[in-house]
Structure formats: structure tokens, C-alpha cells
């Protein structure tokens, strides 16, 4: 009980209140900004590959909320669907900003995954091989896998 009395006495004094509350407010603001950057900011992180190829990787992950694919990934939005809620993606672009390959993770339960896979089967020619679907979508080779344990649909694509 004495610890609480000490805390209230400390905050009752105006001078010590400023000393305690100002750094606390600064830490809260920095934490809120970090959460915004990692979870709510729609722009992808742009990483230049260090292997000398000049390729660029666009990446984004969100642990809290699913998001829509941003405009920066271009053709992938048409391939996957503009309204699909994504939890993470990686897209590799070449020097001329043409898509080479990538993958997209979509959070979906079994029913949602079946609906998405059915819609992809209508759009593209897909063949089922066990728990995996493969096929072509324009210039891309598609590979779709559903992980029931993680309730995640992963779509991998690469340009021929």
C-alpha cells in the first residue's frame, strides 16, 4: 500500500508531475507512430536487392489487421483481386519495375478459401494436385496452397 501512496505524492507535486508525464507522453507518441508505420501505413517497404541484379522487393506484413494491396504492386492487384484482404506479401520487381515473382498471404477460413479458389478456377486454368492448385494466369505461373492450421491461403506467382 505504501508504494501507491508514494506514487500519488510524487504526482501531486507539479514539478515532479512534469518530469514523469512528459517522457511518458513522448514514449506513447513514439509507440503510436511505430504501430502506425508497421500496421496501418498502406505503403510497402521498398528494399533494393544486394545481389547486383538491380531488383527491388516490395514487402508488407501486418499482424493486427488485413489490408488491400496497394497501387504500387500494379499487376498483382489484378491477378489476386483488388478487394481481397491480405496479411502479407512480397513482390520482386526488375530494374524496369516489371513484376518477376512474389507471393501473397490471405487470411481465410476453410469456406472463404474454397470460395477464393473457386473464383480463381473460373478466372484461370488451375489443376489440383493434392492440397495445391497450379496453373497459368496470363504471363504468370500460379501456385495456390491452403494451410488449414494457420487459416492462410498462399498464392505464389512468377513470370515465365
C-alpha atoms as a PDB file:
ATOM      1  CA  UNK A   1       0.000   0.000   0.000  1.00  0.00           C
ATOM      2  CA  UNK A   2       2.897   2.366   0.678  1.00  0.00           C
ATOM      3  CA  UNK A   3       4.017   2.206  -2.964  1.00  0.00           C
ATOM      4  CA  UNK A   4       0.724   3.670  -4.128  1.00  0.00           C
ATOM      5  CA  UNK A   5       0.918   6.499  -1.575  1.00  0.00           C
ATOM      6  CA  UNK A   6       4.418   7.329  -2.785  1.00  0.00           C
ATOM      7  CA  UNK A   7       3.230   7.440  -6.414  1.00  0.00           C
ATOM      8  CA  UNK A   8       0.311   9.742  -5.630  1.00  0.00           C
ATOM      9  CA  UNK A   9       2.557  12.029  -3.562  1.00  0.00           C
ATOM     10  CA  UNK A  10       5.027  12.142  -6.445  1.00  0.00           C
ATOM     11  CA  UNK A  11       2.317  13.092  -8.961  1.00  0.00           C
ATOM     12  CA  UNK A  12       0.712  15.616  -6.575  1.00  0.00           C
ATOM     13  CA  UNK A  13       3.737  17.897  -6.864  1.00  0.00           C
ATOM     14  CA  UNK A  14       3.657  19.994 -10.105  1.00  0.00           C
ATOM     15  CA  UNK A  15       7.389  19.812 -10.713  1.00  0.00           C
ATOM     16  CA  UNK A  16       7.651  16.059 -10.446  1.00  0.00           C
ATOM     17  CA  UNK A  17       4.413  15.599 -12.423  1.00  0.00           C
ATOM     18  CA  UNK A  18       6.053  17.284 -15.425  1.00  0.00           C
ATOM     19  CA  UNK A  19       9.196  15.223 -15.025  1.00  0.00           C
ATOM     20  CA  UNK A  20       7.205  11.976 -15.026  1.00  0.00           C
ATOM     21  CA  UNK A  21       4.433  12.753 -17.518  1.00  0.00           C
ATOM     22  CA  UNK A  22       6.389  14.463 -20.322  1.00  0.00           C
ATOM     23  CA  UNK A  23       8.675  11.464 -21.039  1.00  0.00           C
ATOM     24  CA  UNK A  24       5.683   9.161 -20.685  1.00  0.00           C
ATOM     25  CA  UNK A  25       3.741  11.132 -23.317  1.00  0.00           C
ATOM     26  CA  UNK A  26       6.770  11.138 -25.628  1.00  0.00           C
ATOM     27  CA  UNK A  27       7.122   7.356 -25.304  1.00  0.00           C
ATOM     28  CA  UNK A  28       3.414   6.866 -26.019  1.00  0.00           C
ATOM     29  CA  UNK A  29       3.617   9.036 -29.145  1.00  0.00           C
ATOM     30  CA  UNK A  30       6.671   7.166 -30.425  1.00  0.00           C
ATOM     31  CA  UNK A  31       4.936   3.845 -29.800  1.00  0.00           C
ATOM     32  CA  UNK A  32       1.801   5.005 -31.620  1.00  0.00           C
ATOM     33  CA  UNK A  33       3.901   6.135 -34.601  1.00  0.00           C
ATOM     34  CA  UNK A  34       5.714   2.767 -34.711  1.00  0.00           C
ATOM     35  CA  UNK A  35       2.389   0.911 -34.689  1.00  0.00           C
ATOM     36  CA  UNK A  36       1.086   3.159 -37.474  1.00  0.00           C
ATOM     37  CA  UNK A  37       4.168   2.506 -39.622  1.00  0.00           C
ATOM     38  CA  UNK A  38       4.070  -1.271 -39.215  1.00  0.00           C
ATOM     39  CA  UNK A  39       0.331  -1.941 -39.183  1.00  0.00           C
ATOM     40  CA  UNK A  40      -1.722   0.874 -40.670  1.00  0.00           C
ATOM     41  CA  UNK A  41       0.522   2.527 -43.261  1.00  0.00           C
ATOM     42  CA  UNK A  42      -0.624   1.248 -46.687  1.00  0.00           C
ATOM     43  CA  UNK A  43       2.705   1.865 -48.436  1.00  0.00           C
ATOM     44  CA  UNK A  44       5.027  -1.119 -48.867  1.00  0.00           C
ATOM     45  CA  UNK A  45       8.602  -1.234 -47.676  1.00  0.00           C
ATOM     46  CA  UNK A  46      10.933  -0.906 -50.678  1.00  0.00           C
ATOM     47  CA  UNK A  47      14.130  -2.951 -50.434  1.00  0.00           C
ATOM     48  CA  UNK A  48      16.827  -2.882 -53.081  1.00  0.00           C
ATOM     49  CA  UNK A  49      18.341  -6.328 -53.596  1.00  0.00           C
ATOM     50  CA  UNK A  50      22.070  -6.539 -52.838  1.00  0.00           C
ATOM     51  CA  UNK A  51      22.888  -9.335 -55.282  1.00  0.00           C
ATOM     52  CA  UNK A  52      23.794  -6.846 -58.039  1.00  0.00           C
ATOM     53  CA  UNK A  53      20.746  -7.611 -60.194  1.00  0.00           C
ATOM     54  CA  UNK A  54      19.113  -4.237 -59.506  1.00  0.00           C
ATOM     55  CA  UNK A  55      15.874  -5.942 -58.488  1.00  0.00           C
ATOM     56  CA  UNK A  56      13.556  -4.306 -55.977  1.00  0.00           C
ATOM     57  CA  UNK A  57      11.434  -6.090 -53.375  1.00  0.00           C
ATOM     58  CA  UNK A  58       8.160  -4.586 -52.187  1.00  0.00           C
ATOM     59  CA  UNK A  59       7.094  -6.089 -48.880  1.00  0.00           C
ATOM     60  CA  UNK A  60       4.438  -5.542 -46.228  1.00  0.00           C
ATOM     61  CA  UNK A  61       3.254  -7.552 -43.256  1.00  0.00           C
ATOM     62  CA  UNK A  62       0.532  -6.881 -40.740  1.00  0.00           C
ATOM     63  CA  UNK A  63      -0.058  -8.842 -37.560  1.00  0.00           C
ATOM     64  CA  UNK A  64      -3.193  -6.979 -36.490  1.00  0.00           C
ATOM     65  CA  UNK A  65      -5.341  -6.055 -39.485  1.00  0.00           C
ATOM     66  CA  UNK A  66      -5.662  -7.362 -43.045  1.00  0.00           C
ATOM     67  CA  UNK A  67      -5.270  -4.749 -45.784  1.00  0.00           C
ATOM     68  CA  UNK A  68      -5.849  -4.272 -49.505  1.00  0.00           C
ATOM     69  CA  UNK A  69      -2.958  -4.482 -51.940  1.00  0.00           C
ATOM     70  CA  UNK A  70      -1.577  -1.003 -52.699  1.00  0.00           C
ATOM     71  CA  UNK A  71      -1.295   0.519 -56.169  1.00  0.00           C
ATOM     72  CA  UNK A  72       2.499   0.107 -56.120  1.00  0.00           C
ATOM     73  CA  UNK A  73       2.195  -3.636 -56.809  1.00  0.00           C
ATOM     74  CA  UNK A  74       0.283  -2.904 -60.034  1.00  0.00           C
ATOM     75  CA  UNK A  75      -0.476  -6.066 -61.986  1.00  0.00           C
ATOM     76  CA  UNK A  76      -0.613  -8.218 -58.835  1.00  0.00           C
ATOM     77  CA  UNK A  77      -3.804  -6.414 -57.790  1.00  0.00           C
ATOM     78  CA  UNK A  78      -5.481  -7.582 -60.999  1.00  0.00           C
ATOM     79  CA  UNK A  79      -4.072 -11.086 -60.604  1.00  0.00           C
ATOM     80  CA  UNK A  80      -5.112 -11.581 -56.955  1.00  0.00           C
ATOM     81  CA  UNK A  81      -8.135  -9.288 -56.864  1.00  0.00           C
ATOM     82  CA  UNK A  82      -8.464  -5.709 -55.694  1.00  0.00           C
ATOM     83  CA  UNK A  83     -10.872  -6.383 -52.821  1.00  0.00           C
ATOM     84  CA  UNK A  84      -9.029  -9.331 -51.265  1.00  0.00           C
ATOM     85  CA  UNK A  85      -7.797  -8.707 -47.710  1.00  0.00           C
ATOM     86  CA  UNK A  86      -4.104  -9.559 -47.463  1.00  0.00           C
ATOM     87  CA  UNK A  87      -1.967 -10.091 -44.334  1.00  0.00           C
ATOM     88  CA  UNK A  88       1.444 -10.126 -46.035  1.00  0.00           C
ATOM     89  CA  UNK A  89       3.111 -10.032 -49.428  1.00  0.00           C
ATOM     90  CA  UNK A  90       6.476  -9.882 -51.185  1.00  0.00           C
ATOM     91  CA  UNK A  91       6.753  -8.779 -54.806  1.00  0.00           C
ATOM     92  CA  UNK A  92      10.048  -8.791 -56.729  1.00  0.00           C
ATOM     93  CA  UNK A  93      10.415  -6.169 -59.491  1.00  0.00           C
ATOM     94  CA  UNK A  94      13.187  -5.920 -62.065  1.00  0.00           C
ATOM     95  CA  UNK A  95      15.113  -2.738 -62.965  1.00  0.00           C
ATOM     96  CA  UNK A  96      12.285  -1.540 -65.215  1.00  0.00           C
ATOM     97  CA  UNK A  97       9.708  -2.125 -62.447  1.00  0.00           C
ATOM     98  CA  UNK A  98       8.188  -5.168 -64.178  1.00  0.00           C
ATOM     99  CA  UNK A  99       6.979  -7.922 -61.858  1.00  0.00           C
ATOM    100  CA  UNK A 100       9.214 -11.011 -61.787  1.00  0.00           C
ATOM    101  CA  UNK A 101       7.769 -13.047 -58.929  1.00  0.00           C
ATOM    102  CA  UNK A 102       6.253 -12.912 -55.497  1.00  0.00           C
ATOM    103  CA  UNK A 103       3.771 -14.312 -53.020  1.00  0.00           C
ATOM    104  CA  UNK A 104       0.669 -13.103 -51.220  1.00  0.00           C
ATOM    105  CA  UNK A 105      -0.826 -14.457 -47.975  1.00  0.00           C
ATOM    106  CA  UNK A 106      -4.557 -14.122 -47.429  1.00  0.00           C
ATOM    107  CA  UNK A 107      -6.193 -14.837 -44.072  1.00  0.00           C
ATOM    108  CA  UNK A 108      -9.202 -17.075 -44.763  1.00  0.00           C
ATOM    109  CA  UNK A 109     -11.144 -19.836 -43.065  1.00  0.00           C
ATOM    110  CA  UNK A 110     -11.923 -23.036 -44.972  1.00  0.00           C
ATOM    111  CA  UNK A 111     -15.133 -21.661 -46.547  1.00  0.00           C
ATOM    112  CA  UNK A 112     -13.500 -18.379 -47.538  1.00  0.00           C
ATOM    113  CA  UNK A 113     -10.524 -20.195 -49.051  1.00  0.00           C
ATOM    114  CA  UNK A 114     -12.799 -22.502 -51.042  1.00  0.00           C
ATOM    115  CA  UNK A 115     -14.693 -19.504 -52.429  1.00  0.00           C
ATOM    116  CA  UNK A 116     -11.466 -17.738 -53.408  1.00  0.00           C
ATOM    117  CA  UNK A 117     -10.055 -20.859 -55.034  1.00  0.00           C
ATOM    118  CA  UNK A 118     -13.327 -21.401 -56.929  1.00  0.00           C
ATOM    119  CA  UNK A 119     -13.209 -17.815 -58.219  1.00  0.00           C
ATOM    120  CA  UNK A 120      -9.577 -18.300 -59.314  1.00  0.00           C
ATOM    121  CA  UNK A 121     -10.547 -21.534 -61.082  1.00  0.00           C
ATOM    122  CA  UNK A 122     -13.171 -19.598 -63.035  1.00  0.00           C
ATOM    123  CA  UNK A 123     -10.690 -16.845 -63.977  1.00  0.00           C
ATOM    124  CA  UNK A 124      -7.633 -19.018 -64.657  1.00  0.00           C
ATOM    125  CA  UNK A 125      -6.926 -22.585 -65.669  1.00  0.00           C
ATOM    126  CA  UNK A 126      -5.960 -24.354 -62.429  1.00  0.00           C
ATOM    127  CA  UNK A 127      -5.227 -28.009 -61.778  1.00  0.00           C
ATOM    128  CA  UNK A 128      -5.420 -29.547 -58.327  1.00  0.00           C
ATOM    129  CA  UNK A 129      -2.516 -31.665 -57.127  1.00  0.00           C
ATOM    130  CA  UNK A 130      -3.340 -32.816 -53.589  1.00  0.00           C
ATOM    131  CA  UNK A 131      -3.749 -29.702 -51.448  1.00  0.00           C
ATOM    132  CA  UNK A 132      -2.152 -27.457 -54.060  1.00  0.00           C
ATOM    133  CA  UNK A 133      -3.503 -25.782 -57.196  1.00  0.00           C
ATOM    134  CA  UNK A 134      -1.237 -24.833 -60.076  1.00  0.00           C
ATOM    135  CA  UNK A 135      -1.922 -23.071 -63.327  1.00  0.00           C
ATOM    136  CA  UNK A 136      -1.365 -20.071 -65.516  1.00  0.00           C
ATOM    137  CA  UNK A 137      -2.706 -16.552 -65.320  1.00  0.00           C
ATOM    138  CA  UNK A 138      -1.580 -14.608 -68.363  1.00  0.00           C
ATOM    139  CA  UNK A 139       2.213 -14.392 -68.206  1.00  0.00           C
ATOM    140  CA  UNK A 140       2.371 -15.806 -64.673  1.00  0.00           C
ATOM    141  CA  UNK A 141       2.614 -19.317 -63.294  1.00  0.00           C
ATOM    142  CA  UNK A 142       0.379 -19.613 -60.234  1.00  0.00           C
ATOM    143  CA  UNK A 143       0.662 -21.913 -57.261  1.00  0.00           C
ATOM    144  CA  UNK A 144      -2.049 -21.763 -54.574  1.00  0.00           C
ATOM    145  CA  UNK A 145      -1.785 -23.546 -51.225  1.00  0.00           C
ATOM    146  CA  UNK A 146      -4.119 -23.531 -48.245  1.00  0.00           C
ATOM    147  CA  UNK A 147      -2.758 -24.052 -44.740  1.00  0.00           C
ATOM    148  CA  UNK A 148      -5.695 -25.116 -42.590  1.00  0.00           C
ATOM    149  CA  UNK A 149      -3.742 -24.915 -39.323  1.00  0.00           C
ATOM    150  CA  UNK A 150      -2.843 -21.240 -39.843  1.00  0.00           C
ATOM    151  CA  UNK A 151      -6.031 -20.485 -41.838  1.00  0.00           C
ATOM    152  CA  UNK A 152      -3.946 -18.904 -44.554  1.00  0.00           C
ATOM    153  CA  UNK A 153      -4.174 -19.047 -48.334  1.00  0.00           C
ATOM    154  CA  UNK A 154      -0.800 -18.517 -50.003  1.00  0.00           C
ATOM    155  CA  UNK A 155      -0.601 -17.553 -53.659  1.00  0.00           C
ATOM    156  CA  UNK A 156       2.815 -17.725 -55.309  1.00  0.00           C
ATOM    157  CA  UNK A 157       3.375 -16.344 -58.776  1.00  0.00           C
ATOM    158  CA  UNK A 158       6.330 -16.000 -61.109  1.00  0.00           C
ATOM    159  CA  UNK A 159       6.741 -14.741 -64.624  1.00  0.00           C
ATOM    160  CA  UNK A 160       7.718 -17.218 -67.301  1.00  0.00           C
END
